Amino acid sequence: MMISSLFTLLKKDFKMMLSGKFFLLALGSLLLYSCYIQFVYVNLDQKAYPVFLYDPNNKISAPSKKVTEVKSLEELKKQTTEGEAIGVNAAGSKPRLIMDSSGRARIDTIRAAYALALLTDEKPPAVQEIGRNNKDMKNRREITSEFLFFELAAVGFLGIASIIFKEKHMGVIRIHGVMPISKSLFILSKLFLFLAADNLFAYLLTVINLGHLEGFGVIPAVLLQTTIMSLIMTLIGIICAIRLPDFKQFSLLYLVLAVFVTTPVFLAGQTGMTWNWIHYHPLYHLFMAMKNAYFQVTAASNIYYGVCLLIIILLFLLARKVLSQEMVKEG
């Protein structure tokens, strides 16, 4: 009886996902992310720390071709008022640097050393390997982990909510309230389908953009982190969609999640910005675990997995309670 009921719910939820264009949205995201990685991101000429030189007396005999020479001190100051640009004023007895501070002494020291190193055309040996990855593979791992995290944290969260709101509008929850179907099965059916879809998405995104050899090497760890994130975000989406009365209120919550909650995580994870409070941000640990999985670094301790399991159990119980309350309210 239970297996038959679960199969019925899976069939119904699968049809809801099809009618809601969920798989079409996921396919579109996969193509968009992959095209960006393959044709744009890995081919970007990332000119970090542009250097500008003002040398009216031609004291610098052979500056690097990466240095842009300017004709006046005013132009030099204008070019270095924003961003990561470094200006070199060679009008005095020795070169002086002009640049806006990044707020981090270590980064500013690197920028200064880089600018001074470009005052000669002598080329240092090129760095071909970064750890176990060349520059191309490092970039691919980083951007793929970011896209997958965003897909799970934001797009997947929106997908489950759209289905719940559609079911509420169609009176599906009201019907289930009077049918002898377990509330746990109602939730498990959605968890199973979204988990399967998210893992398939993660597999394809990883293999397409890292290649078969590198992709297969990280797939087990990536799918583990995908499973954790998928279960957590799907349960949160179910709870929020059931509790909120309409999609407008959910849209505001989604905006807060997509912009204000995930943005600090990306900044801390990618730019190296240090905030003491970021370690209390739950999504930060999920993001770093996902990123570490792509770089084949030990994702986290047993405490991390224990906490994740506890959170999933608590969210499931809360989702079941919220669903029961909604069914009672629907009559």
Foldseek 3Di string as FASTA:
>chain_A
DQVVLLVVLLVVVVVLCVVVCVVVVLVVLLVVLLCCLPPPQLPDPPLAAQEEEEDPPCPLPAFAPSYHYDDDPVVQCVVAVDDRYKYWYCHDPHIDIDHDDPPDPVVVVVSVVVRVVRSHRDDDDDDQADPPHGPSLLSLLVSLLVSLLLCLQAVLLVSLLVSLQVCVVVCVLLVVLPDPHDLLSNLVSVLVVQLVVSLVSSLSSQCSRNNPVLSVVLSVQLSVLSSLSNLLSSLVSLLVSLPDDDVVVVVVVSCCRNPVLCVVLCCCVPVVDDDPCVVVRVSNLSSQLNSCSSVVHNSDDVVNVVVSVVSSVVSSVSSSVSSNVSNVVSD
